[in-house]
Amino acid sequence: MSKRGFPGMGGGFGGMNLNQLMKEAKKMQADMEKSQTELAATEFDASAGGRAVYVKVTGGKEIKEITIKKEVVDPEDVEMLQDLILSCVNEALRKVDDAQAKQLGKYNIPGLM
């Protein structure tokens, strides 16, 4: 009686039959989709200038809120306010990227991230 699969592989992929491999792949895909949905619904925030500028974003990288304290609005120094906003938004987006790498990195699929 011959074994099915590749020679020397114990009758399949390391002893695992193709049906089992497909079930595992489908489960992993469902888990990844669930993780991505949860991440997209999560909110991340950051602030700059002692909370003079505050930003809230979703895991889907959608800006939900920007708050700027009145005392940092100086018509003579618009560049400082612009820098604070950029810094704040970029920090919030870095938090999303870090959470995404942590969440999806557990699947260890080359080329995914």
N, C-alpha and C. Protein backbone atom coordinates (compact mmCIF):
# COMPACT_ATOMS: atom_id res chain seq x y z
N MET A 1 0.85 -1.17 0.00
CA MET A 1 0.00 0.00 0.00
C MET A 1 0.90 1.24 0.00
N SER A 2 0.72 2.12 -0.97
CA SER A 2 1.58 3.31 -1.04
C SER A 2 0.94 4.46 -0.28
N LYS A 3 1.83 5.31 0.21
CA LYS A 3 1.36 6.49 0.94
C LYS A 3 1.14 7.62 -0.05
N ARG A 4 0.18 8.46 0.24
CA ARG A 4 -0.09 9.60 -0.62
C ARG A 4 0.76 10.78 -0.17
N GLY A 5 1.08 11.64 -1.09
CA GLY A 5 1.85 12.82 -0.74
C GLY A 5 3.23 12.77 -1.35
N PHE A 6 4.11 13.58 -0.82
CA PHE A 6 5.47 13.64 -1.34
C PHE A 6 6.32 12.56 -0.71
N PRO A 7 7.23 11.98 -1.49
CA PRO A 7 8.09 10.93 -0.94
C PRO A 7 8.90 11.45 0.24
N GLY A 8 8.98 10.63 1.25
CA GLY A 8 9.79 10.99 2.41
C GLY A 8 9.12 11.97 3.35
N MET A 9 7.85 12.28 3.10
CA MET A 9 7.17 13.28 3.92
C MET A 9 6.13 12.64 4.84
N GLY A 10 6.15 11.35 4.97
CA GLY A 10 5.23 10.70 5.88
C GLY A 10 3.78 10.77 5.43
N GLY A 11 3.55 10.78 4.12
CA GLY A 11 2.18 10.73 3.64
C GLY A 11 1.52 12.08 3.53
N GLY A 12 2.24 13.14 3.55
CA GLY A 12 1.62 14.47 3.43
C GLY A 12 2.63 15.54 3.77
N PHE A 13 2.18 16.67 4.19
CA PHE A 13 3.04 17.79 4.55
C PHE A 13 3.46 17.63 6.00
N GLY A 14 4.58 16.93 6.21
CA GLY A 14 5.07 16.73 7.57
C GLY A 14 4.11 15.89 8.39
N GLY A 15 3.40 14.98 7.75
CA GLY A 15 2.45 14.13 8.47
C GLY A 15 1.05 14.74 8.52
N MET A 16 0.88 15.97 8.06
CA MET A 16 -0.43 16.64 8.10
C MET A 16 -1.06 16.49 6.71
N ASN A 17 -2.28 16.01 6.65
CA ASN A 17 -2.90 15.85 5.34
C ASN A 17 -3.35 17.21 4.81
N LEU A 18 -3.63 17.25 3.53
CA LEU A 18 -3.96 18.51 2.86
C LEU A 18 -5.26 19.12 3.41
N ASN A 19 -6.23 18.27 3.74
CA ASN A 19 -7.48 18.79 4.31
C ASN A 19 -7.22 19.50 5.63
N GLN A 20 -6.39 18.90 6.47
CA GLN A 20 -6.07 19.52 7.76
C GLN A 20 -5.32 20.84 7.55
N LEU A 21 -4.42 20.85 6.59
CA LEU A 21 -3.66 22.07 6.28
C LEU A 21 -4.60 23.18 5.82
N MET A 22 -5.59 22.85 4.99
CA MET A 22 -6.56 23.84 4.51
C MET A 22 -7.42 24.35 5.66
N LYS A 23 -7.82 23.47 6.57
CA LYS A 23 -8.60 23.90 7.74
C LYS A 23 -7.81 24.88 8.59
N GLU A 24 -6.53 24.57 8.79
CA GLU A 24 -5.67 25.46 9.59
C GLU A 24 -5.52 26.81 8.90
N ALA A 25 -5.35 26.80 7.57
CA ALA A 25 -5.20 28.05 6.83
C ALA A 25 -6.47 28.89 6.92
N LYS A 26 -7.64 28.26 6.80
CA LYS A 26 -8.91 28.98 6.91
C LYS A 26 -9.11 29.55 8.31
N LYS A 27 -8.72 28.79 9.33
CA LYS A 27 -8.83 29.27 10.70
C LYS A 27 -7.91 30.47 10.91
N MET A 28 -6.69 30.38 10.39
CA MET A 28 -5.74 31.48 10.53
C MET A 28 -6.27 32.72 9.81
N GLN A 29 -6.86 32.53 8.64
CA GLN A 29 -7.41 33.66 7.90
C GLN A 29 -8.55 34.31 8.68
N ALA A 30 -9.42 33.51 9.26
CA ALA A 30 -10.53 34.05 10.06
C ALA A 30 -10.00 34.78 11.28
N ASP A 31 -8.98 34.22 11.94
CA ASP A 31 -8.38 34.87 13.10
C ASP A 31 -7.75 36.20 12.72
N MET A 32 -7.07 36.24 11.56
CA MET A 32 -6.45 37.48 11.10
C MET A 32 -7.50 38.53 10.79
N GLU A 33 -8.57 38.13 10.15
CA GLU A 33 -9.64 39.08 9.83
C GLU A 33 -10.26 39.64 11.10
N LYS A 34 -10.46 38.78 12.10
CA LYS A 34 -11.00 39.23 13.37
C LYS A 34 -10.04 40.22 14.03
N SER A 35 -8.74 39.91 14.01
CA SER A 35 -7.74 40.80 14.59
C SER A 35 -7.74 42.15 13.89
N GLN A 36 -7.84 42.14 12.55
CA GLN A 36 -7.84 43.38 11.79
C GLN A 36 -9.09 44.21 12.10
N THR A 37 -10.23 43.55 12.25
CA THR A 37 -11.47 44.26 12.58
C THR A 37 -11.38 44.88 13.96
N GLU A 38 -10.86 44.11 14.92
CA GLU A 38 -10.69 44.64 16.28
C GLU A 38 -9.73 45.82 16.30
N LEU A 39 -8.64 45.69 15.55
CA LEU A 39 -7.65 46.77 15.49
C LEU A 39 -8.26 48.03 14.87
N ALA A 40 -9.02 47.87 13.81
CA ALA A 40 -9.63 49.02 13.14
C ALA A 40 -10.60 49.75 14.06
N ALA A 41 -11.23 49.03 14.98
CA ALA A 41 -12.19 49.64 15.91
C ALA A 41 -11.51 50.26 17.13
N THR A 42 -10.26 49.95 17.34
CA THR A 42 -9.52 50.48 18.49
C THR A 42 -9.11 51.92 18.22
N GLU A 43 -9.16 52.74 19.27
CA GLU A 43 -8.74 54.13 19.12
C GLU A 43 -7.39 54.34 19.81
N PHE A 44 -6.56 55.15 19.19
CA PHE A 44 -5.23 55.48 19.69
C PHE A 44 -5.15 56.99 19.79
N ASP A 45 -4.38 57.47 20.77
CA ASP A 45 -4.27 58.92 20.91
C ASP A 45 -2.83 59.30 21.19
N ALA A 46 -2.58 60.58 20.97
CA ALA A 46 -1.26 61.15 21.25
C ALA A 46 -1.44 62.63 21.51
N SER A 47 -0.46 63.19 22.22
CA SER A 47 -0.50 64.62 22.46
C SER A 47 0.91 65.18 22.31
N ALA A 48 0.97 66.49 22.15
CA ALA A 48 2.26 67.18 22.00
C ALA A 48 2.15 68.53 22.70
N GLY A 49 3.31 69.05 23.06
CA GLY A 49 3.35 70.37 23.69
C GLY A 49 2.62 70.41 25.02
N GLY A 50 2.80 69.37 25.83
CA GLY A 50 2.12 69.33 27.12
C GLY A 50 0.61 69.26 26.98
N ARG A 51 0.14 68.47 26.05
CA ARG A 51 -1.28 68.30 25.71
C ARG A 51 -1.89 69.55 25.07
N ALA A 52 -1.04 70.43 24.56
CA ALA A 52 -1.56 71.60 23.84
C ALA A 52 -2.26 71.16 22.56
N VAL A 53 -1.77 70.07 21.97
CA VAL A 53 -2.40 69.47 20.80
C VAL A 53 -2.66 68.01 21.13
N TYR A 54 -3.86 67.55 20.84
CA TYR A 54 -4.28 66.19 21.14
C TYR A 54 -4.94 65.61 19.89
N VAL A 55 -4.58 64.35 19.57
CA VAL A 55 -5.14 63.69 18.39
C VAL A 55 -5.62 62.30 18.77
N LYS A 56 -6.77 61.93 18.21
CA LYS A 56 -7.29 60.56 18.38
C LYS A 56 -7.50 59.98 16.99
N VAL A 57 -6.97 58.77 16.77
CA VAL A 57 -7.13 58.08 15.48
C VAL A 57 -7.64 56.66 15.74
N THR A 58 -8.20 56.07 14.68
CA THR A 58 -8.63 54.67 14.78
C THR A 58 -7.50 53.78 14.29
N GLY A 59 -7.63 52.49 14.55
CA GLY A 59 -6.67 51.53 14.05
C GLY A 59 -6.67 51.45 12.53
N GLY A 60 -7.72 51.99 11.91
CA GLY A 60 -7.78 52.08 10.46
C GLY A 60 -7.14 53.36 9.93
N LYS A 61 -6.47 54.08 10.82
CA LYS A 61 -5.74 55.32 10.51
C LYS A 61 -6.67 56.45 10.04
N GLU A 62 -7.83 56.50 10.64
CA GLU A 62 -8.77 57.59 10.39
C GLU A 62 -8.70 58.54 11.58
N ILE A 63 -8.45 59.82 11.32
CA ILE A 63 -8.39 60.81 12.39
C ILE A 63 -9.81 61.08 12.87
N LYS A 64 -10.03 60.89 14.17
CA LYS A 64 -11.35 61.08 14.74
C LYS A 64 -11.47 62.41 15.47
N GLU A 65 -10.37 62.90 16.00
CA GLU A 65 -10.45 64.12 16.81
C GLU A 65 -9.09 64.82 16.83
N ILE A 66 -9.13 66.13 16.73
CA ILE A 66 -7.95 66.97 16.95
C ILE A 66 -8.40 68.10 17.87
N THR A 67 -7.69 68.24 18.99
CA THR A 67 -7.99 69.30 19.94
C THR A 67 -6.76 70.18 20.07
N ILE A 68 -6.96 71.49 19.97
CA ILE A 68 -5.86 72.46 20.10
C ILE A 68 -6.25 73.47 21.16
N LYS A 69 -5.39 73.61 22.17
CA LYS A 69 -5.66 74.60 23.21
C LYS A 69 -5.48 76.00 22.63
N LYS A 70 -6.34 76.91 23.06
CA LYS A 70 -6.32 78.28 22.55
C LYS A 70 -4.98 78.97 22.76
N GLU A 71 -4.33 78.67 23.88
CA GLU A 71 -3.08 79.38 24.19
C GLU A 71 -1.92 79.06 23.24
N VAL A 72 -2.04 78.01 22.43
CA VAL A 72 -0.95 77.71 21.48
C VAL A 72 -1.23 78.28 20.10
N VAL A 73 -2.38 78.90 19.93
CA VAL A 73 -2.70 79.52 18.65
C VAL A 73 -2.13 80.93 18.64
N ASP A 74 -0.98 81.05 18.03
CA ASP A 74 -0.27 82.33 17.95
C ASP A 74 -0.10 82.68 16.48
N PRO A 75 -0.80 83.70 16.00
CA PRO A 75 -0.69 84.07 14.59
C PRO A 75 0.74 84.41 14.17
N GLU A 76 1.57 84.76 15.13
CA GLU A 76 2.96 85.10 14.82
C GLU A 76 3.85 83.87 14.73
N ASP A 77 3.33 82.70 15.17
CA ASP A 77 4.16 81.49 15.17
C ASP A 77 3.34 80.28 14.71
N VAL A 78 2.81 80.38 13.50
CA VAL A 78 2.00 79.30 12.93
C VAL A 78 2.83 78.03 12.76
N GLU A 79 4.11 78.20 12.45
CA GLU A 79 4.97 77.03 12.23
C GLU A 79 5.05 76.14 13.46
N MET A 80 5.07 76.74 14.65
CA MET A 80 5.14 75.93 15.87
C MET A 80 3.88 75.07 16.00
N LEU A 81 2.74 75.65 15.74
CA LEU A 81 1.48 74.92 15.82
C LEU A 81 1.46 73.80 14.78
N GLN A 82 1.91 74.10 13.59
CA GLN A 82 1.97 73.07 12.54
C GLN A 82 2.87 71.92 12.97
N ASP A 83 4.02 72.24 13.56
CA ASP A 83 4.94 71.20 14.03
C ASP A 83 4.32 70.35 15.13
N LEU A 84 3.60 70.99 16.05
CA LEU A 84 2.93 70.24 17.11
C LEU A 84 1.88 69.29 16.55
N ILE A 85 1.12 69.76 15.59
CA ILE A 85 0.09 68.92 14.98
C ILE A 85 0.72 67.74 14.24
N LEU A 86 1.74 68.02 13.44
CA LEU A 86 2.42 66.94 12.72
C LEU A 86 3.01 65.91 13.68
N SER A 87 3.66 66.39 14.70
CA SER A 87 4.27 65.49 15.69
C SER A 87 3.22 64.61 16.35
N CYS A 88 2.14 65.21 16.71
CA CYS A 88 1.06 64.51 17.40
C CYS A 88 0.40 63.46 16.49
N VAL A 89 0.07 63.84 15.29
CA VAL A 89 -0.56 62.90 14.34
C VAL A 89 0.38 61.75 14.03
N ASN A 90 1.65 62.06 13.78
CA ASN A 90 2.61 61.01 13.46
C ASN A 90 2.80 60.04 14.62
N GLU A 91 2.80 60.55 15.84
CA GLU A 91 2.93 59.67 17.01
C GLU A 91 1.72 58.75 17.14
N ALA A 92 0.53 59.28 16.93
CA ALA A 92 -0.67 58.44 16.99
C ALA A 92 -0.64 57.36 15.91
N LEU A 93 -0.19 57.72 14.71
CA LEU A 93 -0.11 56.73 13.63
C LEU A 93 0.98 55.69 13.90
N ARG A 94 2.06 56.09 14.56
CA ARG A 94 3.10 55.11 14.96
C ARG A 94 2.53 54.10 15.95
N LYS A 95 1.67 54.58 16.84
CA LYS A 95 1.03 53.66 17.80
C LYS A 95 0.17 52.64 17.07
N VAL A 96 -0.54 53.09 16.04
CA VAL A 96 -1.35 52.17 15.24
C VAL A 96 -0.44 51.13 14.56
N ASP A 97 0.63 51.60 13.94
CA ASP A 97 1.56 50.69 13.27
C ASP A 97 2.15 49.67 14.24
N ASP A 98 2.54 50.13 15.43
CA ASP A 98 3.09 49.22 16.44
C ASP A 98 2.07 48.18 16.87
N ALA A 99 0.84 48.61 17.08
CA ALA A 99 -0.21 47.67 17.48
C ALA A 99 -0.50 46.68 16.36
N GLN A 100 -0.49 47.16 15.14
CA GLN A 100 -0.73 46.29 13.99
C GLN A 100 0.38 45.26 13.86
N ALA A 101 1.62 45.69 14.00
CA ALA A 101 2.75 44.76 13.90
C ALA A 101 2.68 43.71 15.01
N LYS A 102 2.32 44.15 16.20
CA LYS A 102 2.21 43.22 17.33
C LYS A 102 1.07 42.24 17.12
N GLN A 103 -0.07 42.74 16.69
CA GLN A 103 -1.26 41.92 16.52
C GLN A 103 -1.09 40.92 15.38
N LEU A 104 -0.63 41.38 14.23
CA LEU A 104 -0.53 40.51 13.07
C LEU A 104 0.79 39.76 13.01
N GLY A 105 1.78 40.23 13.75
CA GLY A 105 3.08 39.56 13.78
C GLY A 105 3.02 38.18 14.39
N LYS A 106 2.02 37.91 15.19
CA LYS A 106 1.91 36.60 15.82
C LYS A 106 1.58 35.51 14.81
N TYR A 107 1.15 35.90 13.60
CA TYR A 107 0.84 34.91 12.58
C TYR A 107 2.08 34.46 11.82
N ASN A 108 3.17 35.23 11.89
CA ASN A 108 4.47 34.85 11.35
C ASN A 108 4.37 34.38 9.89
N ILE A 109 3.78 35.22 9.06
CA ILE A 109 3.67 34.90 7.64
C ILE A 109 4.64 35.82 6.89
N PRO A 110 5.65 35.25 6.24
CA PRO A 110 6.62 36.08 5.53
C PRO A 110 5.95 36.97 4.49
N GLY A 111 6.37 38.24 4.46
CA GLY A 111 5.85 39.18 3.49
C GLY A 111 4.56 39.85 3.89
N LEU A 112 3.96 39.46 5.05
CA LEU A 112 2.70 40.06 5.48
C LEU A 112 2.93 41.49 5.94
N MET A 113 3.96 41.73 6.69
CA MET A 113 4.22 43.06 7.24
C MET A 113 5.52 43.58 6.70
